[in-house]
C-alpha atoms as a PDB file:
ATOM      1  CA  UNK A   1      99.953  38.519  45.989  1.00  0.00           C
ATOM      2  CA  UNK A   2      96.932  37.599  48.772  1.00  0.00           C
ATOM      3  CA  UNK A   3      98.224  37.410  52.634  1.00  0.00           C
ATOM      4  CA  UNK A   4      96.200  35.221  54.702  1.00  0.00           C
ATOM      5  CA  UNK A   5      96.363  35.938  58.521  1.00  0.00           C
ATOM      6  CA  UNK A   6      96.401  33.518  60.708  1.00  0.00           C
ATOM      7  CA  UNK A   7      93.533  34.670  62.717  1.00  0.00           C
ATOM      8  CA  UNK A   8      91.371  34.558  59.308  1.00  0.00           C
ATOM      9  CA  UNK A   9      92.727  30.539  59.381  1.00  0.00           C
ATOM     10  CA  UNK A  10      91.142  30.128  62.882  1.00  0.00           C
ATOM     11  CA  UNK A  11      87.332  28.532  63.555  1.00  0.00           C
ATOM     12  CA  UNK A  12      84.803  31.002  65.292  1.00  0.00           C
ATOM     13  CA  UNK A  13      82.662  30.123  67.988  1.00  0.00           C
ATOM     14  CA  UNK A  14      79.831  31.843  69.430  1.00  0.00           C
ATOM     15  CA  UNK A  15      77.803  30.931  72.308  1.00  0.00           C
ATOM     16  CA  UNK A  16      74.075  30.092  72.120  1.00  0.00           C
ATOM     17  CA  UNK A  17      71.462  29.398  74.679  1.00  0.00           C
ATOM     18  CA  UNK A  18      70.165  25.564  74.344  1.00  0.00           C
ATOM     19  CA  UNK A  19      66.340  25.786  73.941  1.00  0.00           C
ATOM     20  CA  UNK A  20      65.556  21.713  74.895  1.00  0.00           C
ATOM     21  CA  UNK A  21      66.866  19.599  77.574  1.00  0.00           C
ATOM     22  CA  UNK A  22      66.645  15.952  77.092  1.00  0.00           C
ATOM     23  CA  UNK A  23      66.876  13.982  80.722  1.00  0.00           C
ATOM     24  CA  UNK A  24      69.645  11.687  79.251  1.00  0.00           C
ATOM     25  CA  UNK A  25      71.570  15.210  78.334  1.00  0.00           C
ATOM     26  CA  UNK A  26      71.441  16.130  81.896  1.00  0.00           C
ATOM     27  CA  UNK A  27      72.226  12.703  83.611  1.00  0.00           C
ATOM     28  CA  UNK A  28      75.517  13.031  81.175  1.00  0.00           C
ATOM     29  CA  UNK A  29      76.233  16.360  81.937  1.00  0.00           C
ATOM     30  CA  UNK A  30      76.014  16.004  85.851  1.00  0.00           C
ATOM     31  CA  UNK A  31      77.180  12.563  85.900  1.00  0.00           C
ATOM     32  CA  UNK A  32      80.606  14.191  83.775  1.00  0.00           C
ATOM     33  CA  UNK A  33      80.578  17.035  86.515  1.00  0.00           C
ATOM     34  CA  UNK A  34      80.850  14.369  89.444  1.00  0.00           C
ATOM     35  CA  UNK A  35      83.591  12.507  87.932  1.00  0.00           C
ATOM     36  CA  UNK A  36      85.541  15.022  87.364  1.00  0.00           C
ATOM     37  CA  UNK A  37      84.941  16.470  91.121  1.00  0.00           C
ATOM     38  CA  UNK A  38      85.610  13.216  92.346  1.00  0.00           C
ATOM     39  CA  UNK A  39      89.012  12.991  90.421  1.00  0.00           C
ATOM     40  CA  UNK A  40      90.217  16.231  91.680  1.00  0.00           C
ATOM     41  CA  UNK A  41      88.808  15.108  95.406  1.00  0.00           C
ATOM     42  CA  UNK A  42      90.993  12.215  95.093  1.00  0.00           C
ATOM     43  CA  UNK A  43      93.978  14.024  93.528  1.00  0.00           C
ATOM     44  CA  UNK A  44      93.871  16.712  96.691  1.00  0.00           C
ATOM     45  CA  UNK A  45      93.611  13.523  99.304  1.00  0.00           C
ATOM     46  CA  UNK A  46      96.377  12.022  97.405  1.00  0.00           C
ATOM     47  CA  UNK A  47      98.600  15.151  98.244  1.00  0.00           C
ATOM     48  CA  UNK A  48      97.300  15.169 101.864  1.00  0.00           C
ATOM     49  CA  UNK A  49      98.733  11.690 102.363  1.00  0.00           C
ATOM     50  CA  UNK A  50      95.840   9.086 101.856  1.00  0.00           C
ATOM     51  CA  UNK A  51      96.680   6.283 100.320  1.00  0.00           C
ATOM     52  CA  UNK A  52      95.209   6.434  96.697  1.00  0.00           C
ATOM     53  CA  UNK A  53      94.495   2.244  96.883  1.00  0.00           C
ATOM     54  CA  UNK A  54      92.411   3.320 100.430  1.00  0.00           C
ATOM     55  CA  UNK A  55      90.396   5.638  98.933  1.00  0.00           C
ATOM     56  CA  UNK A  56      87.604   3.372  96.956  1.00  0.00           C
ATOM     57  CA  UNK A  57      87.214   1.293 100.118  1.00  0.00           C
ATOM     58  CA  UNK A  58      86.296   4.074 102.524  1.00  0.00           C
ATOM     59  CA  UNK A  59      84.032   5.178 100.272  1.00  0.00           C
ATOM     60  CA  UNK A  60      82.569   1.171 100.048  1.00  0.00           C
ATOM     61  CA  UNK A  61      82.437   1.186 103.775  1.00  0.00           C
ATOM     62  CA  UNK A  62      80.309   4.038 104.029  1.00  0.00           C
ATOM     63  CA  UNK A  63      77.657   2.769 101.211  1.00  0.00           C
ATOM     64  CA  UNK A  64      77.970  -0.990 102.338  1.00  0.00           C
ATOM     65  CA  UNK A  65      78.828  -0.841 106.466  1.00  0.00           C
ATOM     66  CA  UNK A  66      75.435  -0.905 108.500  1.00  0.00           C
ATOM     67  CA  UNK A  67      76.842   1.525 110.882  1.00  0.00           C
ATOM     68  CA  UNK A  68      77.571   3.829 108.581  1.00  0.00           C
ATOM     69  CA  UNK A  69      74.664   3.685 106.336  1.00  0.00           C
ATOM     70  CA  UNK A  70      72.672   4.789 109.308  1.00  0.00           C
ATOM     71  CA  UNK A  71      75.277   7.591 110.256  1.00  0.00           C
ATOM     72  CA  UNK A  72      74.053   8.956 106.778  1.00  0.00           C
ATOM     73  CA  UNK A  73      70.904   8.592 107.197  1.00  0.00           C
ATOM     74  CA  UNK A  74      70.696  10.165 110.109  1.00  0.00           C
ATOM     75  CA  UNK A  75      72.606  13.183 108.534  1.00  0.00           C
ATOM     76  CA  UNK A  76      70.206  12.939 105.531  1.00  0.00           C
ATOM     77  CA  UNK A  77      67.198  13.831 107.512  1.00  0.00           C
ATOM     78  CA  UNK A  78      67.984  17.549 108.541  1.00  0.00           C
ATOM     79  CA  UNK A  79      69.736  18.250 105.497  1.00  0.00           C
ATOM     80  CA  UNK A  80      66.721  17.104 103.396  1.00  0.00           C
ATOM     81  CA  UNK A  81      64.594  19.334 105.677  1.00  0.00           C
ATOM     82  CA  UNK A  82      66.623  22.578 105.328  1.00  0.00           C
ATOM     83  CA  UNK A  83      67.321  22.111 101.493  1.00  0.00           C
ATOM     84  CA  UNK A  84      63.401  21.413 101.192  1.00  0.00           C
ATOM     85  CA  UNK A  85      62.754  24.466 103.419  1.00  0.00           C
ATOM     86  CA  UNK A  86      65.337  26.218 100.794  1.00  0.00           C
ATOM     87  CA  UNK A  87      62.821  24.976  97.726  1.00  0.00           C
ATOM     88  CA  UNK A  88      59.723  26.163  98.615  1.00  0.00           C
ATOM     89  CA  UNK A  89      60.946  29.335 100.143  1.00  0.00           C
ATOM     90  CA  UNK A  90      63.227  29.870  96.413  1.00  0.00           C
ATOM     91  CA  UNK A  91      60.168  29.034  94.415  1.00  0.00           C
ATOM     92  CA  UNK A  92      58.011  31.808  95.879  1.00  0.00           C
ATOM     93  CA  UNK A  93      60.650  34.503  94.851  1.00  0.00           C
ATOM     94  CA  UNK A  94      61.777  34.571  98.668  1.00  0.00           C
ATOM     95  CA  UNK A  95      65.442  34.356  99.294  1.00  0.00           C
ATOM     96  CA  UNK A  96      65.381  33.019 102.827  1.00  0.00           C
ATOM     97  CA  UNK A  97      69.282  33.251 104.187  1.00  0.00           C
ATOM     98  CA  UNK A  98      67.753  32.398 108.056  1.00  0.00           C
ATOM     99  CA  UNK A  99      67.432  28.396 107.912  1.00  0.00           C
ATOM    100  CA  UNK A 100      69.607  28.714 110.885  1.00  0.00           C
ATOM    101  CA  UNK A 101      68.040  31.327 112.864  1.00  0.00           C
ATOM    102  CA  UNK A 102      64.650  29.137 111.923  1.00  0.00           C
ATOM    103  CA  UNK A 103      66.414  25.715 112.975  1.00  0.00           C
ATOM    104  CA  UNK A 104      67.591  27.587 116.513  1.00  0.00           C
ATOM    105  CA  UNK A 105      63.891  28.556 117.343  1.00  0.00           C
ATOM    106  CA  UNK A 106      62.550  25.151 116.209  1.00  0.00           C
ATOM    107  CA  UNK A 107      65.311  23.759 118.557  1.00  0.00           C
ATOM    108  CA  UNK A 108      64.546  26.328 121.422  1.00  0.00           C
ATOM    109  CA  UNK A 109      60.895  25.589 121.312  1.00  0.00           C
ATOM    110  CA  UNK A 110      61.986  21.693 121.320  1.00  0.00           C
ATOM    111  CA  UNK A 111      64.029  22.194 124.159  1.00  0.00           C
ATOM    112  CA  UNK A 112      61.002  24.296 126.008  1.00  0.00           C
ATOM    113  CA  UNK A 113      58.226  22.009 125.781  1.00  0.00           C
ATOM    114  CA  UNK A 114      60.998  18.958 127.496  1.00  0.00           C
ATOM    115  CA  UNK A 115      62.520  21.071 129.914  1.00  0.00           C
ATOM    116  CA  UNK A 116      58.548  22.557 130.967  1.00  0.00           C
ATOM    117  CA  UNK A 117      57.560  18.803 130.598  1.00  0.00           C
ATOM    118  CA  UNK A 118      54.411  20.073 128.703  1.00  0.00           C
ATOM    119  CA  UNK A 119      52.164  17.292 127.774  1.00  0.00           C
ATOM    120  CA  UNK A 120      51.917  13.413 128.726  1.00  0.00           C
ATOM    121  CA  UNK A 121      55.049  11.447 128.145  1.00  0.00           C
ATOM    122  CA  UNK A 122      53.426   9.686 125.363  1.00  0.00           C
ATOM    123  CA  UNK A 123      52.988  12.229 123.149  1.00  0.00           C
ATOM    124  CA  UNK A 124      56.011  14.545 124.004  1.00  0.00           C
ATOM    125  CA  UNK A 125      57.788  13.943 120.856  1.00  0.00           C
ATOM    126  CA  UNK A 126      54.695  15.057 118.457  1.00  0.00           C
ATOM    127  CA  UNK A 127      54.539  17.819 120.921  1.00  0.00           C
ATOM    128  CA  UNK A 128      58.043  19.186 120.312  1.00  0.00           C
ATOM    129  CA  UNK A 129      58.019  18.330 117.047  1.00  0.00           C
ATOM    130  CA  UNK A 130      54.863  20.880 116.511  1.00  0.00           C
ATOM    131  CA  UNK A 131      55.888  23.179 118.937  1.00  0.00           C
ATOM    132  CA  UNK A 132      59.137  23.292 116.587  1.00  0.00           C
ATOM    133  CA  UNK A 133      57.507  23.755 113.217  1.00  0.00           C
ATOM    134  CA  UNK A 134      55.399  26.419 114.778  1.00  0.00           C
ATOM    135  CA  UNK A 135      58.301  29.058 116.069  1.00  0.00           C
ATOM    136  CA  UNK A 136      60.023  27.982 113.102  1.00  0.00           C
ATOM    137  CA  UNK A 137      57.738  29.407 111.100  1.00  0.00           C
ATOM    138  CA  UNK A 138      56.436  32.650 113.450  1.00  0.00           C
ATOM    139  CA  UNK A 139      60.651  33.413 113.324  1.00  0.00           C
ATOM    140  CA  UNK A 140      60.208  34.236 109.306  1.00  0.00           C
ATOM    141  CA  UNK A 141      56.921  36.173 109.757  1.00  0.00           C
ATOM    142  CA  UNK A 142      58.283  39.507 110.507  1.00  0.00           C
ATOM    143  CA  UNK A 143      61.005  39.394 107.663  1.00  0.00           C
ATOM    144  CA  UNK A 144      58.311  38.237 105.318  1.00  0.00           C
ATOM    145  CA  UNK A 145      55.995  41.233 106.467  1.00  0.00           C
ATOM    146  CA  UNK A 146      59.017  43.927 105.797  1.00  0.00           C
ATOM    147  CA  UNK A 147      59.803  42.071 102.401  1.00  0.00           C
ATOM    148  CA  UNK A 148      55.980  41.988 100.890  1.00  0.00           C
ATOM    149  CA  UNK A 149      55.191  45.611 102.519  1.00  0.00           C
ATOM    150  CA  UNK A 150      57.785  47.644 103.037  1.00  0.00           C
ATOM    151  CA  UNK A 151      60.393  45.736 100.047  1.00  0.00           C
ATOM    152  CA  UNK A 152      63.158  45.415 102.716  1.00  0.00           C
ATOM    153  CA  UNK A 153      65.532  42.899 101.457  1.00  0.00           C
ATOM    154  CA  UNK A 154      64.914  39.625 103.069  1.00  0.00           C
ATOM    155  CA  UNK A 155      68.657  38.684 102.357  1.00  0.00           C
ATOM    156  CA  UNK A 156      69.562  41.235 104.602  1.00  0.00           C
ATOM    157  CA  UNK A 157      66.893  40.658 107.467  1.00  0.00           C
ATOM    158  CA  UNK A 158      66.575  37.018 107.405  1.00  0.00           C
ATOM    159  CA  UNK A 159      70.797  36.706 107.772  1.00  0.00           C
ATOM    160  CA  UNK A 160      70.513  39.323 110.794  1.00  0.00           C
ATOM    161  CA  UNK A 161      67.619  37.296 112.540  1.00  0.00           C
ATOM    162  CA  UNK A 162      70.262  34.246 112.543  1.00  0.00           C
ATOM    163  CA  UNK A 163      72.523  36.653 114.643  1.00  0.00           C
ATOM    164  CA  UNK A 164      69.543  37.211 117.361  1.00  0.00           C
ATOM    165  CA  UNK A 165      68.087  33.980 117.518  1.00  0.00           C
ATOM    166  CA  UNK A 166      71.821  32.258 118.324  1.00  0.00           C
ATOM    167  CA  UNK A 167      72.402  34.770 120.892  1.00  0.00           C
ATOM    168  CA  UNK A 168      69.038  34.416 122.594  1.00  0.00           C
ATOM    169  CA  UNK A 169      69.792  30.717 122.248  1.00  0.00           C
ATOM    170  CA  UNK A 170      73.506  31.262 124.115  1.00  0.00           C
ATOM    171  CA  UNK A 171      71.465  33.662 126.569  1.00  0.00           C
ATOM    172  CA  UNK A 172      69.971  30.345 127.292  1.00  0.00           C
ATOM    173  CA  UNK A 173      71.973  28.099 127.065  1.00  0.00           C
ATOM    174  CA  UNK A 174      75.012  29.797 129.898  1.00  0.00           C
ATOM    175  CA  UNK A 175      72.251  30.808 131.873  1.00  0.00           C
ATOM    176  CA  UNK A 176      68.690  29.064 133.038  1.00  0.00           C
ATOM    177  CA  UNK A 177      69.280  26.199 130.684  1.00  0.00           C
ATOM    178  CA  UNK A 178      72.706  25.309 131.556  1.00  0.00           C
ATOM    179  CA  UNK A 179      72.874  21.530 132.435  1.00  0.00           C
ATOM    180  CA  UNK A 180      72.779  21.307 136.296  1.00  0.00           C
ATOM    181  CA  UNK A 181      74.897  18.432 136.674  1.00  0.00           C
ATOM    182  CA  UNK A 182      78.397  19.615 134.739  1.00  0.00           C
ATOM    183  CA  UNK A 183      77.394  23.503 134.500  1.00  0.00           C
ATOM    184  CA  UNK A 184      78.276  22.827 130.252  1.00  0.00           C
ATOM    185  CA  UNK A 185      76.726  25.645 128.644  1.00  0.00           C
ATOM    186  CA  UNK A 186      73.876  22.813 126.988  1.00  0.00           C
ATOM    187  CA  UNK A 187      70.460  22.079 127.977  1.00  0.00           C
ATOM    188  CA  UNK A 188      69.979  18.981 130.167  1.00  0.00           C
ATOM    189  CA  UNK A 189      69.795  15.696 128.445  1.00  0.00           C
ATOM    190  CA  UNK A 190      65.924  14.791 126.530  1.00  0.00           C
ATOM    191  CA  UNK A 191      64.863  11.932 128.128  1.00  0.00           C
ATOM    192  CA  UNK A 192      64.614   8.307 126.418  1.00  0.00           C
ATOM    193  CA  UNK A 193      60.438   9.254 125.353  1.00  0.00           C
ATOM    194  CA  UNK A 194      62.129  12.672 124.290  1.00  0.00           C
ATOM    195  CA  UNK A 195      64.016  11.534 121.691  1.00  0.00           C
ATOM    196  CA  UNK A 196      63.298   9.796 117.939  1.00  0.00           C
ATOM    197  CA  UNK A 197      63.625   6.461 117.532  1.00  0.00           C
ATOM    198  CA  UNK A 198      64.824   4.045 115.414  1.00  0.00           C
ATOM    199  CA  UNK A 199      62.246   2.028 113.334  1.00  0.00           C
ATOM    200  CA  UNK A 200      63.815  -0.154 111.237  1.00  0.00           C
ATOM    201  CA  UNK A 201      67.141  -1.731 110.584  1.00  0.00           C
ATOM    202  CA  UNK A 202      68.634   1.820 111.337  1.00  0.00           C
ATOM    203  CA  UNK A 203      66.322   3.940 109.764  1.00  0.00           C
ATOM    204  CA  UNK A 204      64.993   6.372 112.441  1.00  0.00           C
ATOM    205  CA  UNK A 205      61.948   8.683 112.820  1.00  0.00           C
ATOM    206  CA  UNK A 206      63.689  11.375 111.657  1.00  0.00           C
ATOM    207  CA  UNK A 207      64.732  10.116 107.930  1.00  0.00           C
ATOM    208  CA  UNK A 208      60.769   8.547 107.338  1.00  0.00           C
ATOM    209  CA  UNK A 209      59.597  12.485 108.597  1.00  0.00           C
ATOM    210  CA  UNK A 210      62.205  13.909 106.186  1.00  0.00           C
ATOM    211  CA  UNK A 211      60.510  11.703 103.030  1.00  0.00           C
ATOM    212  CA  UNK A 212      56.915  12.483 104.638  1.00  0.00           C
ATOM    213  CA  UNK A 213      57.443  15.862 104.209  1.00  0.00           C
ATOM    214  CA  UNK A 214      59.284  15.630 100.858  1.00  0.00           C
ATOM    215  CA  UNK A 215      56.205  13.799  99.691  1.00  0.00           C
ATOM    216  CA  UNK A 216      53.973  16.487 101.163  1.00  0.00           C
ATOM    217  CA  UNK A 217      55.871  18.925  98.989  1.00  0.00           C
ATOM    218  CA  UNK A 218      55.696  17.137  95.721  1.00  0.00           C
ATOM    219  CA  UNK A 219      52.226  17.027  96.225  1.00  0.00           C
ATOM    220  CA  UNK A 220      51.533  20.812  97.340  1.00  0.00           C
ATOM    221  CA  UNK A 221      54.106  21.955  94.291  1.00  0.00           C
ATOM    222  CA  UNK A 222      53.685  19.730  91.540  1.00  0.00           C
ATOM    223  CA  UNK A 223      49.674  18.354  91.984  1.00  0.00           C
ATOM    224  CA  UNK A 224      48.095  21.254  93.903  1.00  0.00           C
ATOM    225  CA  UNK A 225      46.047  24.275  92.728  1.00  0.00           C
ATOM    226  CA  UNK A 226      48.461  26.105  95.163  1.00  0.00           C
ATOM    227  CA  UNK A 227      51.629  24.529  93.517  1.00  0.00           C
ATOM    228  CA  UNK A 228      50.278  25.773  90.060  1.00  0.00           C
ATOM    229  CA  UNK A 229      49.839  28.854  91.540  1.00  0.00           C
ATOM    230  CA  UNK A 230      53.141  28.901  92.920  1.00  0.00           C
ATOM    231  CA  UNK A 231      54.863  28.279  89.623  1.00  0.00           C
ATOM    232  CA  UNK A 232      53.184  31.327  87.799  1.00  0.00           C
ATOM    233  CA  UNK A 233      54.479  33.885  90.737  1.00  0.00           C
ATOM    234  CA  UNK A 234      57.679  32.080  90.356  1.00  0.00           C
ATOM    235  CA  UNK A 235      57.798  32.623  86.654  1.00  0.00           C
ATOM    236  CA  UNK A 236      56.723  35.802  86.525  1.00  0.00           C
ATOM    237  CA  UNK A 237      55.053  37.913  89.418  1.00  0.00           C
ATOM    238  CA  UNK A 238      53.506  40.687  87.953  1.00  0.00           C
ATOM    239  CA  UNK A 239      51.615  38.266  85.213  1.00  0.00           C
ATOM    240  CA  UNK A 240      50.095  36.208  88.024  1.00  0.00           C
ATOM    241  CA  UNK A 241      49.308  40.046  89.753  1.00  0.00           C
ATOM    242  CA  UNK A 242      47.377  40.602  87.144  1.00  0.00           C
ATOM    243  CA  UNK A 243      46.172  37.245  86.174  1.00  0.00           C
ATOM    244  CA  UNK A 244      44.641  37.648  89.733  1.00  0.00           C
ATOM    245  CA  UNK A 245      46.559  35.713  91.715  1.00  0.00           C
ATOM    246  CA  UNK A 246      47.007  36.341  95.197  1.00  0.00           C
ATOM    247  CA  UNK A 247      50.343  36.770  95.011  1.00  0.00           C
ATOM    248  CA  UNK A 248      51.126  37.886  98.757  1.00  0.00           C
ATOM    249  CA  UNK A 249      49.237  35.222  99.808  1.00  0.00           C
ATOM    250  CA  UNK A 250      51.041  32.700  97.545  1.00  0.00           C
ATOM    251  CA  UNK A 251      54.305  34.136  99.110  1.00  0.00           C
ATOM    252  CA  UNK A 252      53.653  35.001 102.583  1.00  0.00           C
ATOM    253  CA  UNK A 253      52.288  30.904 103.073  1.00  0.00           C
ATOM    254  CA  UNK A 254      55.386  29.734 100.999  1.00  0.00           C
ATOM    255  CA  UNK A 255      57.766  31.048 103.349  1.00  0.00           C
ATOM    256  CA  UNK A 256      55.872  29.655 106.329  1.00  0.00           C
ATOM    257  CA  UNK A 257      55.980  26.558 104.999  1.00  0.00           C
ATOM    258  CA  UNK A 258      59.651  27.042 104.731  1.00  0.00           C
ATOM    259  CA  UNK A 259      60.445  28.485 108.376  1.00  0.00           C
ATOM    260  CA  UNK A 260      58.286  25.777 109.545  1.00  0.00           C
ATOM    261  CA  UNK A 261      60.269  22.789 107.775  1.00  0.00           C
ATOM    262  CA  UNK A 262      63.564  24.832 108.606  1.00  0.00           C
ATOM    263  CA  UNK A 263      61.976  24.769 112.862  1.00  0.00           C
ATOM    264  CA  UNK A 264      61.382  21.331 112.178  1.00  0.00           C
ATOM    265  CA  UNK A 265      64.912  20.459 111.353  1.00  0.00           C
ATOM    266  CA  UNK A 266      66.030  21.986 114.312  1.00  0.00           C
ATOM    267  CA  UNK A 267      64.314  19.057 116.013  1.00  0.00           C
ATOM    268  CA  UNK A 268      65.315  16.603 114.377  1.00  0.00           C
ATOM    269  CA  UNK A 269      69.287  17.362 114.874  1.00  0.00           C
ATOM    270  CA  UNK A 270      68.624  18.193 118.812  1.00  0.00           C
ATOM    271  CA  UNK A 271      66.043  14.712 119.000  1.00  0.00           C
ATOM    272  CA  UNK A 272      68.192  12.577 117.314  1.00  0.00           C
ATOM    273  CA  UNK A 273      71.837  13.664 116.482  1.00  0.00           C
ATOM    274  CA  UNK A 274      72.733  15.624 119.515  1.00  0.00           C
ATOM    275  CA  UNK A 275      69.933  14.605 122.101  1.00  0.00           C
ATOM    276  CA  UNK A 276      69.503  18.453 123.663  1.00  0.00           C
ATOM    277  CA  UNK A 277      70.226  21.855 122.644  1.00  0.00           C
ATOM    278  CA  UNK A 278      74.062  22.642 122.106  1.00  0.00           C
ATOM    279  CA  UNK A 279      75.771  25.897 121.065  1.00  0.00           C
ATOM    280  CA  UNK A 280      76.723  24.537 117.845  1.00  0.00           C
ATOM    281  CA  UNK A 281      74.035  22.315 116.432  1.00  0.00           C
ATOM    282  CA  UNK A 282      72.960  24.400 113.392  1.00  0.00           C
ATOM    283  CA  UNK A 283      76.225  24.895 112.318  1.00  0.00           C
ATOM    284  CA  UNK A 284      76.564  24.736 108.332  1.00  0.00           C
ATOM    285  CA  UNK A 285      72.998  23.109 107.653  1.00  0.00           C
ATOM    286  CA  UNK A 286      71.549  26.359 106.995  1.00  0.00           C
ATOM    287  CA  UNK A 287      73.648  27.017 103.808  1.00  0.00           C
ATOM    288  CA  UNK A 288      74.167  23.777 103.266  1.00  0.00           C
ATOM    289  CA  UNK A 289      70.440  23.937 102.716  1.00  0.00           C
ATOM    290  CA  UNK A 290      70.654  26.591 100.073  1.00  0.00           C
ATOM    291  CA  UNK A 291      73.375  24.580  98.238  1.00  0.00           C
ATOM    292  CA  UNK A 292      71.413  21.506  98.095  1.00  0.00           C
ATOM    293  CA  UNK A 293      67.929  23.241  97.050  1.00  0.00           C
ATOM    294  CA  UNK A 294      70.200  25.036  94.166  1.00  0.00           C
ATOM    295  CA  UNK A 295      71.654  21.545  92.930  1.00  0.00           C
ATOM    296  CA  UNK A 296      67.889  19.997  93.069  1.00  0.00           C
ATOM    297  CA  UNK A 297      66.998  23.031  90.795  1.00  0.00           C
ATOM    298  CA  UNK A 298      64.116  23.687  93.748  1.00  0.00           C
ATOM    299  CA  UNK A 299      62.314  20.286  92.957  1.00  0.00           C
ATOM    300  CA  UNK A 300      61.556  18.434  95.981  1.00  0.00           C
ATOM    301  CA  UNK A 301      62.574  14.730  94.971  1.00  0.00           C
ATOM    302  CA  UNK A 302      65.963  16.139  93.818  1.00  0.00           C
ATOM    303  CA  UNK A 303      66.696  17.602  97.449  1.00  0.00           C
ATOM    304  CA  UNK A 304      66.270  13.868  98.677  1.00  0.00           C
ATOM    305  CA  UNK A 305      68.962  12.543  96.455  1.00  0.00           C
ATOM    306  CA  UNK A 306      71.157  15.682  96.297  1.00  0.00           C
ATOM    307  CA  UNK A 307      70.675  15.728 100.546  1.00  0.00           C
ATOM    308  CA  UNK A 308      71.609  11.572 100.690  1.00  0.00           C
ATOM    309  CA  UNK A 309      75.093  12.595  98.595  1.00  0.00           C
ATOM    310  CA  UNK A 310      75.754  15.675 100.550  1.00  0.00           C
ATOM    311  CA  UNK A 311      75.170  13.112 103.625  1.00  0.00           C
ATOM    312  CA  UNK A 312      77.203  10.327 102.132  1.00  0.00           C
ATOM    313  CA  UNK A 313      79.781  13.091 101.670  1.00  0.00           C
ATOM    314  CA  UNK A 314      79.981  14.312 105.108  1.00  0.00           C
ATOM    315  CA  UNK A 315      80.416  11.064 106.919  1.00  0.00           C
ATOM    316  CA  UNK A 316      82.426  10.013 104.617  1.00  0.00           C
ATOM    317  CA  UNK A 317      85.065  12.709 105.506  1.00  0.00           C
ATOM    318  CA  UNK A 318      84.539  12.428 108.917  1.00  0.00           C
ATOM    319  CA  UNK A 319      85.955   8.434 108.706  1.00  0.00           C
ATOM    320  CA  UNK A 320      88.854  10.281 106.375  1.00  0.00           C
ATOM    321  CA  UNK A 321      89.439  12.430 109.797  1.00  0.00           C
ATOM    322  CA  UNK A 322      89.168   9.766 111.993  1.00  0.00           C
ATOM    323  CA  UNK A 323      91.359   7.039 110.452  1.00  0.00           C
ATOM    324  CA  UNK A 324      94.082   9.520 108.615  1.00  0.00           C
ATOM    325  CA  UNK A 325      94.212  12.231 110.277  1.00  0.00           C
ATOM    326  CA  UNK A 326      93.122  14.610 107.430  1.00  0.00           C
ATOM    327  CA  UNK A 327      92.243  17.939 108.139  1.00  0.00           C
ATOM    328  CA  UNK A 328      88.727  19.399 108.611  1.00  0.00           C
ATOM    329  CA  UNK A 329      89.514  21.985 106.000  1.00  0.00           C
ATOM    330  CA  UNK A 330      90.341  19.628 103.099  1.00  0.00           C
ATOM    331  CA  UNK A 331      87.266  17.308 104.054  1.00  0.00           C
ATOM    332  CA  UNK A 332      85.353  21.014 103.259  1.00  0.00           C
ATOM    333  CA  UNK A 333      87.695  21.735 100.617  1.00  0.00           C
ATOM    334  CA  UNK A 334      86.635  18.073  98.725  1.00  0.00           C
ATOM    335  CA  UNK A 335      82.874  18.970  99.524  1.00  0.00           C
ATOM    336  CA  UNK A 336      83.166  22.555  98.144  1.00  0.00           C
ATOM    337  CA  UNK A 337      85.035  21.586  94.729  1.00  0.00           C
ATOM    338  CA  UNK A 338      82.342  18.926  94.452  1.00  0.00           C
ATOM    339  CA  UNK A 339      79.429  20.845  94.428  1.00  0.00           C
ATOM    340  CA  UNK A 340      81.058  23.601  92.442  1.00  0.00           C
ATOM    341  CA  UNK A 341      81.845  21.008  89.558  1.00  0.00           C
ATOM    342  CA  UNK A 342      77.945  19.774  89.917  1.00  0.00           C
ATOM    343  CA  UNK A 343      76.828  24.101  90.103  1.00  0.00           C
ATOM    344  CA  UNK A 344      79.024  24.440  87.188  1.00  0.00           C
ATOM    345  CA  UNK A 345      77.554  21.957  84.902  1.00  0.00           C
ATOM    346  CA  UNK A 346      74.299  23.684  84.719  1.00  0.00           C
ATOM    347  CA  UNK A 347      76.882  26.424  82.521  1.00  0.00           C
ATOM    348  CA  UNK A 348      76.699  23.477  80.058  1.00  0.00           C
ATOM    349  CA  UNK A 349      73.478  22.302  80.131  1.00  0.00           C
ATOM    350  CA  UNK A 350      71.796  25.325  79.349  1.00  0.00           C
ATOM    351  CA  UNK A 351      74.720  26.550  76.531  1.00  0.00           C
ATOM    352  CA  UNK A 352      76.568  25.202  73.554  1.00  0.00           C
ATOM    353  CA  UNK A 353      79.425  26.395  71.259  1.00  0.00           C
ATOM    354  CA  UNK A 354      78.085  26.765  67.805  1.00  0.00           C
ATOM    355  CA  UNK A 355      80.990  27.281  64.886  1.00  0.00           C
ATOM    356  CA  UNK A 356      80.069  30.039  62.699  1.00  0.00           C
ATOM    357  CA  UNK A 357      80.300  29.356  58.913  1.00  0.00           C
END
């Protein structure tokens, strides 16, 4: 008499890599991941004491209220810039974890132009922005040389340079640049002509600058010869080298652009959100930029969308803190859950379960 085991009656599955990923599947999977993340977030907020019927209203306020939309655009500008900075570096296989240090370098450079009154008043804002971009790019030169010439890990060198930039800024803010009016450790306020203005119905100059930068990056990475070469370097640097491409020059140029964009983000934060150089103006932006680049798959256009969503989460979290006394840790937890859900969707995009016959 033949005996059948329970395991022999159970279907068997194997994991396979998807060979194609049409647009409809990407949209479906990412949307499903976002719905799961939002559902978990709602459950956490209800447990934290926020009435369930008020949650939809809070998101609606963020998306429909003019003041909240203005706040979202202001927050989105530096997030888009640091996301773009991370994306262009990652495209060159350079893991730039020093975005916050480059932001600090840019903020310090912009503040120096303000304190030292470099240039006429009419062009001071432009001088500050250019100085921030140049110094942000310069801040990443040393670790890039170490990487390309001595094979020193850029993960370590760029990360450690964050602390050097931070403590140098502290030296200035607690010393020569301390505000003379109240002796607090932040720089004197920027003058009105040194602040990024509002251009039209709540749309600030910082957001417009971020969109212009993204448009230039789209052209550079998708339409130019440099972008074609950069794709070769990202996919197979050894093959690109053998094909005659100047891999070192392409990588170095990409990293300089990354540093310049991060420095510009530092200028945008200090000249719009803060209005001066403060001790913590850079906090959280660096790793947020890395997450944005990862979720956007290093695509400049997707960086804008993900940066906007991240800014919406940020502003909504601020509203929850103010009106419902939700702890900041809970807000961070919600942001992390949504990011993890969207990041986890990458597995379902690239793999599938197939039943064995």
